[in-house]
PDB file of N, CA and C in Angstrom:
ATOM      1  N   UNK A   1     253.539 -37.825  59.453  1.00  0.00           N
ATOM      2  CA  UNK A   1     253.871 -36.468  60.054  1.00  0.00           C
ATOM      3  C   UNK A   1     254.942 -36.258  60.679  1.00  0.00           C
ATOM      4  N   UNK A   2     255.674 -35.718  61.148  1.00  0.00           N
ATOM      5  CA  UNK A   2     256.912 -35.607  61.606  1.00  0.00           C
ATOM      6  C   UNK A   2     257.227 -35.519  62.747  1.00  0.00           C
ATOM      7  N   UNK A   3     258.072 -35.519  63.862  1.00  0.00           N
ATOM      8  CA  UNK A   3     257.878 -35.498  65.171  1.00  0.00           C
ATOM      9  C   UNK A   3     257.336 -34.299  65.653  1.00  0.00           C
ATOM     10  N   UNK A   4     257.674 -33.253  65.267  1.00  0.00           N
ATOM     11  CA  UNK A   4     257.283 -32.102  65.851  1.00  0.00           C
ATOM     12  C   UNK A   4     256.255 -31.181  65.514  1.00  0.00           C
ATOM     13  N   UNK A   5     255.341 -32.295  65.003  1.00  0.00           N
ATOM     14  CA  UNK A   5     253.655 -31.977  64.655  1.00  0.00           C
ATOM     15  C   UNK A   5     253.127 -32.268  66.273  1.00  0.00           C
ATOM     16  N   UNK A   6     251.938 -31.268  66.605  1.00  0.00           N
ATOM     17  CA  UNK A   6     251.636 -32.223  67.595  1.00  0.00           C
ATOM     18  C   UNK A   6     250.384 -32.059  67.561  1.00  0.00           C
ATOM     19  N   UNK A   7     249.400 -32.862  68.636  1.00  0.00           N
ATOM     20  CA  UNK A   7     247.989 -33.669  68.095  1.00  0.00           C
ATOM     21  C   UNK A   7     247.221 -32.246  67.709  1.00  0.00           C
ATOM     22  N   UNK A   8     247.399 -31.226  68.231  1.00  0.00           N
ATOM     23  CA  UNK A   8     246.387 -30.290  67.683  1.00  0.00           C
ATOM     24  C   UNK A   8     246.293 -29.841  66.113  1.00  0.00           C
ATOM     25  N   UNK A   9     247.659 -29.777  66.179  1.00  0.00           N
ATOM     26  CA  UNK A   9     248.364 -29.923  64.332  1.00  0.00           C
ATOM     27  C   UNK A   9     247.551 -30.648  63.434  1.00  0.00           C
ATOM     28  N   UNK A  10     247.548 -32.280  64.173  1.00  0.00           N
ATOM     29  CA  UNK A  10     247.061 -33.364  63.507  1.00  0.00           C
ATOM     30  C   UNK A  10     245.592 -32.879  63.141  1.00  0.00           C
ATOM     31  N   UNK A  11     244.601 -33.062  64.756  1.00  0.00           N
ATOM     32  CA  UNK A  11     243.328 -32.453  64.174  1.00  0.00           C
ATOM     33  C   UNK A  11     242.988 -31.563  62.865  1.00  0.00           C
ATOM     34  N   UNK A  12     243.710 -30.522  63.255  1.00  0.00           N
ATOM     35  CA  UNK A  12     243.230 -29.194  62.245  1.00  0.00           C
ATOM     36  C   UNK A  12     243.824 -29.653  60.948  1.00  0.00           C
ATOM     37  N   UNK A  13     244.706 -30.476  60.519  1.00  0.00           N
ATOM     38  CA  UNK A  13     244.490 -30.391  59.368  1.00  0.00           C
ATOM     39  C   UNK A  13     244.020 -31.679  58.761  1.00  0.00           C
ATOM     40  N   UNK A  14     243.315 -33.029  59.382  1.00  0.00           N
ATOM     41  CA  UNK A  14     242.820 -33.926  59.113  1.00  0.00           C
ATOM     42  C   UNK A  14     241.284 -33.246  59.037  1.00  0.00           C
ATOM     43  N   UNK A  15     240.733 -32.529  59.885  1.00  0.00           N
ATOM     44  CA  UNK A  15     239.523 -31.882  59.928  1.00  0.00           C
ATOM     45  C   UNK A  15     239.326 -30.837  58.505  1.00  0.00           C
ATOM     46  N   UNK A  16     240.171 -30.036  58.132  1.00  0.00           N
ATOM     47  CA  UNK A  16     240.018 -29.230  56.789  1.00  0.00           C
ATOM     48  C   UNK A  16     240.567 -30.523  55.481  1.00  0.00           C
ATOM     49  N   UNK A  17     241.397 -31.226  55.529  1.00  0.00           N
ATOM     50  CA  UNK A  17     241.337 -32.620  54.581  1.00  0.00           C
ATOM     51  C   UNK A  17     240.094 -33.102  54.804  1.00  0.00           C
ATOM     52  N   UNK A  18     239.534 -33.669  55.530  1.00  0.00           N
ATOM     53  CA  UNK A  18     238.036 -34.386  55.245  1.00  0.00           C
ATOM     54  C   UNK A  18     236.775 -33.598  54.618  1.00  0.00           C
ATOM     55  N   UNK A  19     236.951 -32.183  55.423  1.00  0.00           N
ATOM     56  CA  UNK A  19     235.903 -30.879  54.502  1.00  0.00           C
ATOM     57  C   UNK A  19     235.949 -30.975  53.396  1.00  0.00           C
ATOM     58  N   UNK A  20     237.302 -30.720  53.335  1.00  0.00           N
ATOM     59  CA  UNK A  20     237.260 -30.632  51.521  1.00  0.00           C
ATOM     60  C   UNK A  20     236.984 -31.699  50.911  1.00  0.00           C
ATOM     61  N   UNK A  21     237.875 -32.851  51.117  1.00  0.00           N
ATOM     62  CA  UNK A  21     237.249 -33.722  50.181  1.00  0.00           C
ATOM     63  C   UNK A  21     235.713 -34.193  50.363  1.00  0.00           C
ATOM     64  N   UNK A  22     235.336 -33.660  51.141  1.00  0.00           N
ATOM     65  CA  UNK A  22     233.567 -33.971  51.084  1.00  0.00           C
ATOM     66  C   UNK A  22     232.497 -32.495  50.661  1.00  0.00           C
ATOM     67  N   UNK A  23     233.606 -31.827  49.890  1.00  0.00           N
ATOM     68  CA  UNK A  23     232.871 -31.140  49.557  1.00  0.00           C
ATOM     69  C   UNK A  23     231.777 -29.449  50.277  1.00  0.00           C
ATOM     70  N   UNK A  24     232.558 -29.830  51.223  1.00  0.00           N
ATOM     71  CA  UNK A  24     231.830 -28.770  52.192  1.00  0.00           C
ATOM     72  C   UNK A  24     232.564 -27.508  52.384  1.00  0.00           C
ATOM     73  N   UNK A  25     231.263 -26.670  52.772  1.00  0.00           N
ATOM     74  CA  UNK A  25     231.940 -24.954  53.328  1.00  0.00           C
ATOM     75  C   UNK A  25     232.273 -25.120  55.125  1.00  0.00           C
ATOM     76  N   UNK A  26     232.983 -24.551  55.499  1.00  0.00           N
ATOM     77  CA  UNK A  26     232.906 -24.498  56.477  1.00  0.00           C
ATOM     78  C   UNK A  26     231.527 -24.317  57.263  1.00  0.00           C
ATOM     79  N   UNK A  27     230.976 -23.521  56.924  1.00  0.00           N
ATOM     80  CA  UNK A  27     229.450 -23.032  57.794  1.00  0.00           C
ATOM     81  C   UNK A  27     228.667 -25.201  57.455  1.00  0.00           C
ATOM     82  N   UNK A  28     228.638 -25.308  56.461  1.00  0.00           N
ATOM     83  CA  UNK A  28     227.831 -26.582  56.342  1.00  0.00           C
ATOM     84  C   UNK A  28     228.022 -27.466  57.079  1.00  0.00           C
ATOM     85  N   UNK A  29     229.717 -27.798  56.950  1.00  0.00           N
ATOM     86  CA  UNK A  29     230.028 -28.571  58.512  1.00  0.00           C
ATOM     87  C   UNK A  29     229.694 -28.488  59.161  1.00  0.00           C
ATOM     88  N   UNK A  30     229.747 -27.253  60.148  1.00  0.00           N
ATOM     89  CA  UNK A  30     228.867 -26.956  60.932  1.00  0.00           C
ATOM     90  C   UNK A  30     227.955 -27.086  61.289  1.00  0.00           C
ATOM     91  N   UNK A  31     227.093 -26.977  60.470  1.00  0.00           N
ATOM     92  CA  UNK A  31     225.478 -27.003  60.481  1.00  0.00           C
ATOM     93  C   UNK A  31     225.056 -28.497  60.661  1.00  0.00           C
ATOM     94  N   UNK A  32     225.974 -29.307  59.628  1.00  0.00           N
ATOM     95  CA  UNK A  32     226.071 -30.768  59.815  1.00  0.00           C
ATOM     96  C   UNK A  32     225.876 -31.420  61.007  1.00  0.00           C
ATOM     97  N   UNK A  33     226.705 -30.607  61.594  1.00  0.00           N
ATOM     98  CA  UNK A  33     227.396 -31.261  62.750  1.00  0.00           C
ATOM     99  C   UNK A  33     226.985 -30.361  64.617  1.00  0.00           C
ATOM    100  N   UNK A  34     225.381 -30.034  63.703  1.00  0.00           N
ATOM    101  CA  UNK A  34     224.790 -29.378  64.971  1.00  0.00           C
ATOM    102  C   UNK A  34     225.255 -27.829  65.202  1.00  0.00           C
ATOM    103  N   UNK A  35     225.742 -27.244  64.863  1.00  0.00           N
ATOM    104  CA  UNK A  35     226.790 -26.404  65.290  1.00  0.00           C
ATOM    105  C   UNK A  35     224.976 -24.758  64.546  1.00  0.00           C
ATOM    106  N   UNK A  36     225.189 -24.202  65.707  1.00  0.00           N
ATOM    107  CA  UNK A  36     224.115 -22.890  65.218  1.00  0.00           C
ATOM    108  C   UNK A  36     224.884 -22.120  63.677  1.00  0.00           C
ATOM    109  N   UNK A  37     223.764 -21.948  62.518  1.00  0.00           N
ATOM    110  CA  UNK A  37     224.087 -21.943  61.604  1.00  0.00           C
ATOM    111  C   UNK A  37     224.801 -20.676  61.385  1.00  0.00           C
ATOM    112  N   UNK A  38     224.656 -19.667  62.783  1.00  0.00           N
ATOM    113  CA  UNK A  38     224.940 -18.392  63.033  1.00  0.00           C
ATOM    114  C   UNK A  38     226.828 -18.102  62.816  1.00  0.00           C
ATOM    115  N   UNK A  39     226.411 -19.278  63.809  1.00  0.00           N
ATOM    116  CA  UNK A  39     228.645 -19.118  64.066  1.00  0.00           C
ATOM    117  C   UNK A  39     229.085 -20.531  63.800  1.00  0.00           C
ATOM    118  N   UNK A  40     228.642 -21.286  62.518  1.00  0.00           N
ATOM    119  CA  UNK A  40     228.787 -22.188  62.684  1.00  0.00           C
ATOM    120  C   UNK A  40     230.312 -22.120  61.339  1.00  0.00           C
ATOM    121  N   UNK A  41     230.498 -21.248  60.703  1.00  0.00           N
ATOM    122  CA  UNK A  41     231.632 -21.046  60.019  1.00  0.00           C
ATOM    123  C   UNK A  41     232.922 -20.896  60.569  1.00  0.00           C
ATOM    124  N   UNK A  42     232.638 -19.891  61.356  1.00  0.00           N
ATOM    125  CA  UNK A  42     233.379 -19.145  62.608  1.00  0.00           C
ATOM    126  C   UNK A  42     233.831 -20.335  63.306  1.00  0.00           C
ATOM    127  N   UNK A  43     233.480 -20.797  63.864  1.00  0.00           N
ATOM    128  CA  UNK A  43     233.498 -22.316  65.047  1.00  0.00           C
ATOM    129  C   UNK A  43     234.424 -23.428  64.073  1.00  0.00           C
ATOM    130  N   UNK A  44     234.150 -23.245  62.909  1.00  0.00           N
ATOM    131  CA  UNK A  44     234.847 -24.730  62.520  1.00  0.00           C
ATOM    132  C   UNK A  44     235.944 -23.571  61.439  1.00  0.00           C
ATOM    133  N   UNK A  45     236.420 -22.421  60.926  1.00  0.00           N
ATOM    134  CA  UNK A  45     237.278 -21.868  60.756  1.00  0.00           C
ATOM    135  C   UNK A  45     238.409 -21.934  62.017  1.00  0.00           C
ATOM    136  N   UNK A  46     238.495 -21.830  63.267  1.00  0.00           N
ATOM    137  CA  UNK A  46     238.660 -21.802  64.681  1.00  0.00           C
ATOM    138  C   UNK A  46     239.690 -22.910  64.908  1.00  0.00           C
ATOM    139  N   UNK A  47     238.578 -24.301  64.614  1.00  0.00           N
ATOM    140  CA  UNK A  47     238.795 -25.446  65.038  1.00  0.00           C
ATOM    141  C   UNK A  47     240.161 -25.828  63.777  1.00  0.00           C
ATOM    142  N   UNK A  48     240.237 -25.738  62.469  1.00  0.00           N
ATOM    143  CA  UNK A  48     240.781 -25.672  61.899  1.00  0.00           C
ATOM    144  C   UNK A  48     242.256 -24.874  61.356  1.00  0.00           C
ATOM    145  N   UNK A  49     242.123 -23.748  62.119  1.00  0.00           N
ATOM    146  CA  UNK A  49     243.419 -22.754  62.865  1.00  0.00           C
ATOM    147  C   UNK A  49     244.032 -22.938  63.882  1.00  0.00           C
ATOM    148  N   UNK A  50     242.860 -24.222  64.481  1.00  0.00           N
ATOM    149  CA  UNK A  50     243.881 -24.324  66.036  1.00  0.00           C
ATOM    150  C   UNK A  50     243.566 -23.180  66.893  1.00  0.00           C
ATOM    151  N   UNK A  51     242.508 -22.432  66.934  1.00  0.00           N
ATOM    152  CA  UNK A  51     242.308 -21.538  67.735  1.00  0.00           C
ATOM    153  C   UNK A  51     242.017 -21.814  69.190  1.00  0.00           C
ATOM    154  N   UNK A  52     240.657 -22.606  68.529  1.00  0.00           N
ATOM    155  CA  UNK A  52     239.686 -23.410  69.673  1.00  0.00           C
ATOM    156  C   UNK A  52     240.384 -25.012  69.382  1.00  0.00           C
ATOM    157  N   UNK A  53     240.139 -25.156  70.574  1.00  0.00           N
ATOM    158  CA  UNK A  53     239.658 -26.800  70.372  1.00  0.00           C
ATOM    159  C   UNK A  53     238.706 -27.412  70.425  1.00  0.00           C
ATOM    160  N   UNK A  54     237.878 -28.246  69.472  1.00  0.00           N
ATOM    161  CA  UNK A  54     236.337 -28.996  70.104  1.00  0.00           C
ATOM    162  C   UNK A  54     236.300 -30.246  71.062  1.00  0.00           C
ATOM    163  N   UNK A  55     235.249 -29.883  71.467  1.00  0.00           N
ATOM    164  CA  UNK A  55     235.218 -31.041  73.003  1.00  0.00           C
ATOM    165  C   UNK A  55     234.930 -32.292  71.855  1.00  0.00           C
ATOM    166  N   UNK A  56     235.145 -33.451  72.695  1.00  0.00           N
ATOM    167  CA  UNK A  56     234.907 -34.982  72.238  1.00  0.00           C
ATOM    168  C   UNK A  56     233.538 -34.596  71.389  1.00  0.00           C
ATOM    169  N   UNK A  57     232.663 -34.480  72.219  1.00  0.00           N
ATOM    170  CA  UNK A  57     231.497 -34.542  71.518  1.00  0.00           C
ATOM    171  C   UNK A  57     231.146 -33.928  70.620  1.00  0.00           C
ATOM    172  N   UNK A  58     231.727 -32.944  70.309  1.00  0.00           N
ATOM    173  CA  UNK A  58     231.838 -32.159  69.180  1.00  0.00           C
ATOM    174  C   UNK A  58     232.591 -32.981  68.101  1.00  0.00           C
ATOM    175  N   UNK A  59     233.605 -33.515  68.538  1.00  0.00           N
ATOM    176  CA  UNK A  59     234.562 -34.178  67.452  1.00  0.00           C
ATOM    177  C   UNK A  59     233.563 -35.127  66.714  1.00  0.00           C
ATOM    178  N   UNK A  60     232.745 -35.926  67.629  1.00  0.00           N
ATOM    179  CA  UNK A  60     232.030 -37.125  67.299  1.00  0.00           C
ATOM    180  C   UNK A  60     231.423 -36.284  66.330  1.00  0.00           C
ATOM    181  N   UNK A  61     230.449 -35.723  66.789  1.00  0.00           N
ATOM    182  CA  UNK A  61     229.275 -35.204  65.339  1.00  0.00           C
ATOM    183  C   UNK A  61     230.178 -34.526  64.489  1.00  0.00           C
ATOM    184  N   UNK A  62     231.216 -33.808  64.203  1.00  0.00           N
ATOM    185  CA  UNK A  62     231.741 -33.305  62.933  1.00  0.00           C
ATOM    186  C   UNK A  62     232.189 -35.126  62.023  1.00  0.00           C
ATOM    187  N   UNK A  63     233.044 -36.034  62.959  1.00  0.00           N
ATOM    188  CA  UNK A  63     233.290 -37.408  62.145  1.00  0.00           C
ATOM    189  C   UNK A  63     231.780 -37.615  61.715  1.00  0.00           C
ATOM    190  N   UNK A  64     230.983 -37.995  62.195  1.00  0.00           N
ATOM    191  CA  UNK A  64     229.402 -38.228  61.703  1.00  0.00           C
ATOM    192  C   UNK A  64     229.381 -37.725  60.380  1.00  0.00           C
ATOM    193  N   UNK A  65     229.361 -36.291  60.558  1.00  0.00           N
ATOM    194  CA  UNK A  65     228.877 -35.848  59.292  1.00  0.00           C
ATOM    195  C   UNK A  65     230.029 -35.565  58.255  1.00  0.00           C
ATOM    196  N   UNK A  66     231.187 -35.873  58.464  1.00  0.00           N
ATOM    197  CA  UNK A  66     232.202 -36.282  57.429  1.00  0.00           C
ATOM    198  C   UNK A  66     232.414 -37.795  56.918  1.00  0.00           C
ATOM    199  N   UNK A  67     231.619 -38.410  58.149  1.00  0.00           N
ATOM    200  CA  UNK A  67     231.478 -39.709  57.812  1.00  0.00           C
ATOM    201  C   UNK A  67     233.088 -40.323  57.794  1.00  0.00           C
ATOM    202  N   UNK A  68     233.648 -40.446  59.253  1.00  0.00           N
ATOM    203  CA  UNK A  68     234.710 -40.888  58.901  1.00  0.00           C
ATOM    204  C   UNK A  68     235.069 -41.226  60.526  1.00  0.00           C
ATOM    205  N   UNK A  69     235.861 -42.118  60.840  1.00  0.00           N
ATOM    206  CA  UNK A  69     235.680 -42.557  62.382  1.00  0.00           C
ATOM    207  C   UNK A  69     236.648 -41.406  63.060  1.00  0.00           C
ATOM    208  N   UNK A  70     235.885 -41.488  64.217  1.00  0.00           N
ATOM    209  CA  UNK A  70     237.039 -40.771  65.086  1.00  0.00           C
ATOM    210  C   UNK A  70     238.229 -40.381  65.550  1.00  0.00           C
ATOM    211  N   UNK A  71     238.737 -41.405  65.316  1.00  0.00           N
ATOM    212  CA  UNK A  71     239.957 -41.670  65.349  1.00  0.00           C
ATOM    213  C   UNK A  71     241.019 -40.703  64.500  1.00  0.00           C
ATOM    214  N   UNK A  72     240.102 -40.657  63.117  1.00  0.00           N
ATOM    215  CA  UNK A  72     241.165 -40.335  62.056  1.00  0.00           C
ATOM    216  C   UNK A  72     241.369 -38.910  62.285  1.00  0.00           C
ATOM    217  N   UNK A  73     240.960 -38.128  63.097  1.00  0.00           N
ATOM    218  CA  UNK A  73     241.361 -36.837  63.625  1.00  0.00           C
ATOM    219  C   UNK A  73     242.654 -37.203  64.311  1.00  0.00           C
ATOM    220  N   UNK A  74     242.849 -38.037  65.151  1.00  0.00           N
ATOM    221  CA  UNK A  74     243.824 -38.094  66.299  1.00  0.00           C
ATOM    222  C   UNK A  74     245.510 -38.663  65.717  1.00  0.00           C
ATOM    223  N   UNK A  75     245.002 -39.999  64.781  1.00  0.00           N
ATOM    224  CA  UNK A  75     246.348 -40.887  64.717  1.00  0.00           C
ATOM    225  C   UNK A  75     247.562 -39.786  64.061  1.00  0.00           C
ATOM    226  N   UNK A  76     248.672 -40.021  64.345  1.00  0.00           N
ATOM    227  CA  UNK A  76     250.008 -39.647  63.660  1.00  0.00           C
ATOM    228  C   UNK A  76     250.568 -40.005  62.569  1.00  0.00           C
ATOM    229  N   UNK A  77     249.461 -41.329  62.015  1.00  0.00           N
ATOM    230  CA  UNK A  77     250.307 -42.215  61.190  1.00  0.00           C
ATOM    231  C   UNK A  77     249.345 -41.935  60.277  1.00  0.00           C
ATOM    232  N   UNK A  78     250.129 -41.261  59.033  1.00  0.00           N
ATOM    233  CA  UNK A  78     249.858 -40.601  58.113  1.00  0.00           C
ATOM    234  C   UNK A  78     249.153 -42.412  57.255  1.00  0.00           C
ATOM    235  N   UNK A  79     249.586 -43.335  56.994  1.00  0.00           N
ATOM    236  CA  UNK A  79     248.853 -44.247  56.420  1.00  0.00           C
ATOM    237  C   UNK A  79     247.573 -45.048  56.899  1.00  0.00           C
ATOM    238  N   UNK A  80     247.400 -44.764  58.371  1.00  0.00           N
ATOM    239  CA  UNK A  80     246.642 -45.206  59.484  1.00  0.00           C
ATOM    240  C   UNK A  80     245.403 -44.500  59.137  1.00  0.00           C
ATOM    241  N   UNK A  81     245.828 -42.888  58.375  1.00  0.00           N
ATOM    242  CA  UNK A  81     244.635 -41.978  58.711  1.00  0.00           C
ATOM    243  C   UNK A  81     243.769 -42.266  57.106  1.00  0.00           C
ATOM    244  N   UNK A  82     244.901 -42.617  56.325  1.00  0.00           N
ATOM    245  CA  UNK A  82     244.377 -42.813  54.873  1.00  0.00           C
ATOM    246  C   UNK A  82     243.732 -43.639  54.980  1.00  0.00           C
ATOM    247  N   UNK A  83     243.463 -45.564  55.936  1.00  0.00           N
ATOM    248  CA  UNK A  83     242.556 -46.322  55.802  1.00  0.00           C
ATOM    249  C   UNK A  83     241.470 -45.765  56.578  1.00  0.00           C
ATOM    250  N   UNK A  84     241.587 -45.297  57.762  1.00  0.00           N
ATOM    251  CA  UNK A  84     240.547 -44.815  58.828  1.00  0.00           C
ATOM    252  C   UNK A  84     239.462 -43.733  57.532  1.00  0.00           C
ATOM    253  N   UNK A  85     240.297 -42.863  56.714  1.00  0.00           N
ATOM    254  CA  UNK A  85     239.588 -41.757  55.977  1.00  0.00           C
ATOM    255  C   UNK A  85     238.602 -42.585  55.077  1.00  0.00           C
ATOM    256  N   UNK A  86     239.080 -43.820  54.325  1.00  0.00           N
ATOM    257  CA  UNK A  86     238.206 -44.509  53.619  1.00  0.00           C
ATOM    258  C   UNK A  86     237.710 -45.766  53.808  1.00  0.00           C
ATOM    259  N   UNK A  87     237.712 -46.114  55.106  1.00  0.00           N
ATOM    260  CA  UNK A  87     236.967 -47.328  56.078  1.00  0.00           C
ATOM    261  C   UNK A  87     235.674 -47.600  55.710  1.00  0.00           C
ATOM    262  N   UNK A  88     234.777 -46.135  55.550  1.00  0.00           N
ATOM    263  CA  UNK A  88     233.192 -46.350  55.405  1.00  0.00           C
ATOM    264  C   UNK A  88     233.227 -46.607  53.558  1.00  0.00           C
ATOM    265  N   UNK A  89     234.301 -46.434  53.341  1.00  0.00           N
ATOM    266  CA  UNK A  89     233.760 -46.106  51.432  1.00  0.00           C
ATOM    267  C   UNK A  89     234.422 -47.157  51.467  1.00  0.00           C
ATOM    268  N   UNK A  90     235.036 -47.905  51.637  1.00  0.00           N
ATOM    269  CA  UNK A  90     235.306 -49.719  51.478  1.00  0.00           C
ATOM    270  C   UNK A  90     234.132 -50.555  51.358  1.00  0.00           C
ATOM    271  N   UNK A  91     234.193 -51.159  50.586  1.00  0.00           N
ATOM    272  CA  UNK A  91     232.563 -52.297  50.301  1.00  0.00           C
ATOM    273  C   UNK A  91     233.280 -53.406  51.617  1.00  0.00           C
ATOM    274  N   UNK A  92     231.955 -54.004  51.540  1.00  0.00           N
ATOM    275  CA  UNK A  92     232.117 -55.141  53.033  1.00  0.00           C
ATOM    276  C   UNK A  92     233.113 -56.302  52.885  1.00  0.00           C
ATOM    277  N   UNK A  93     233.149 -56.566  51.304  1.00  0.00           N
ATOM    278  CA  UNK A  93     234.092 -57.206  50.886  1.00  0.00           C
ATOM    279  C   UNK A  93     235.666 -57.276  51.305  1.00  0.00           C
ATOM    280  N   UNK A  94     236.176 -56.556  50.871  1.00  0.00           N
ATOM    281  CA  UNK A  94     237.394 -55.812  51.066  1.00  0.00           C
ATOM    282  C   UNK A  94     237.246 -56.038  51.960  1.00  0.00           C
ATOM    283  N   UNK A  95     236.518 -54.793  53.085  1.00  0.00           N
ATOM    284  CA  UNK A  95     236.722 -54.870  54.677  1.00  0.00           C
ATOM    285  C   UNK A  95     237.130 -56.535  55.568  1.00  0.00           C
ATOM    286  N   UNK A  96     236.184 -57.564  55.018  1.00  0.00           N
ATOM    287  CA  UNK A  96     236.277 -58.505  55.855  1.00  0.00           C
ATOM    288  C   UNK A  96     238.011 -59.130  54.890  1.00  0.00           C
ATOM    289  N   UNK A  97     238.116 -59.043  53.974  1.00  0.00           N
ATOM    290  CA  UNK A  97     239.597 -59.447  53.115  1.00  0.00           C
ATOM    291  C   UNK A  97     240.772 -58.939  54.076  1.00  0.00           C
ATOM    292  N   UNK A  98     240.686 -57.375  54.209  1.00  0.00           N
ATOM    293  CA  UNK A  98     241.662 -56.753  54.893  1.00  0.00           C
ATOM    294  C   UNK A  98     241.371 -57.477  56.180  1.00  0.00           C
ATOM    295  N   UNK A  99     240.073 -57.674  57.160  1.00  0.00           N
ATOM    296  CA  UNK A  99     240.864 -57.653  58.814  1.00  0.00           C
ATOM    297  C   UNK A  99     241.337 -59.554  58.337  1.00  0.00           C
ATOM    298  N   UNK A 100     240.758 -59.977  57.463  1.00  0.00           N
ATOM    299  CA  UNK A 100     240.971 -61.764  57.403  1.00  0.00           C
ATOM    300  C   UNK A 100     242.957 -61.723  57.317  1.00  0.00           C
ATOM    301  N   UNK A 101     243.494 -61.221  56.383  1.00  0.00           N
ATOM    302  CA  UNK A 101     244.925 -60.873  55.941  1.00  0.00           C
ATOM    303  C   UNK A 101     245.185 -60.192  57.596  1.00  0.00           C
ATOM    304  N   UNK A 102     244.896 -59.335  58.294  1.00  0.00           N
ATOM    305  CA  UNK A 102     245.453 -58.536  59.591  1.00  0.00           C
ATOM    306  C   UNK A 102     245.431 -59.749  60.561  1.00  0.00           C
ATOM    307  N   UNK A 103     244.516 -60.676  60.968  1.00  0.00           N
ATOM    308  CA  UNK A 103     244.103 -61.807  61.466  1.00  0.00           C
ATOM    309  C   UNK A 103     245.845 -62.804  61.163  1.00  0.00           C
ATOM    310  N   UNK A 104     245.616 -62.894  60.519  1.00  0.00           N
ATOM    311  CA  UNK A 104     246.696 -64.019  59.366  1.00  0.00           C
ATOM    312  C   UNK A 104     248.105 -63.922  60.180  1.00  0.00           C
ATOM    313  N   UNK A 105     248.098 -62.046  59.877  1.00  0.00           N
ATOM    314  CA  UNK A 105     249.749 -61.946  60.744  1.00  0.00           C
ATOM    315  C   UNK A 105     249.469 -61.073  61.847  1.00  0.00           C
ATOM    316  N   UNK A 106     248.602 -61.402  62.608  1.00  0.00           N
ATOM    317  CA  UNK A 106     249.216 -61.481  63.817  1.00  0.00           C
ATOM    318  C   UNK A 106     249.656 -62.513  64.948  1.00  0.00           C
TER     319      UNK A 106
END
């Protein structure tokens, strides 16, 4: 991300990326996050466009539905975002190896 990118813009970009990667419509994502089906599409669209900000409770529900850590939506480091996005998809052995390597290099 460049320095002029705001955290709201980062959130919007990451939300849309995760939703599309999961193959979900805005309505389906909203419903999975517990938003009423009649407003789900509009709410997700407004979050992705930056018109409205999601509360932290809603962000947690979106993260759960998208199977990403909540931190994924807020990091301004693209490499860290990639790691967070894929964390739940990495098998346990690779996680152990990554964490061991990190601990050894600290």
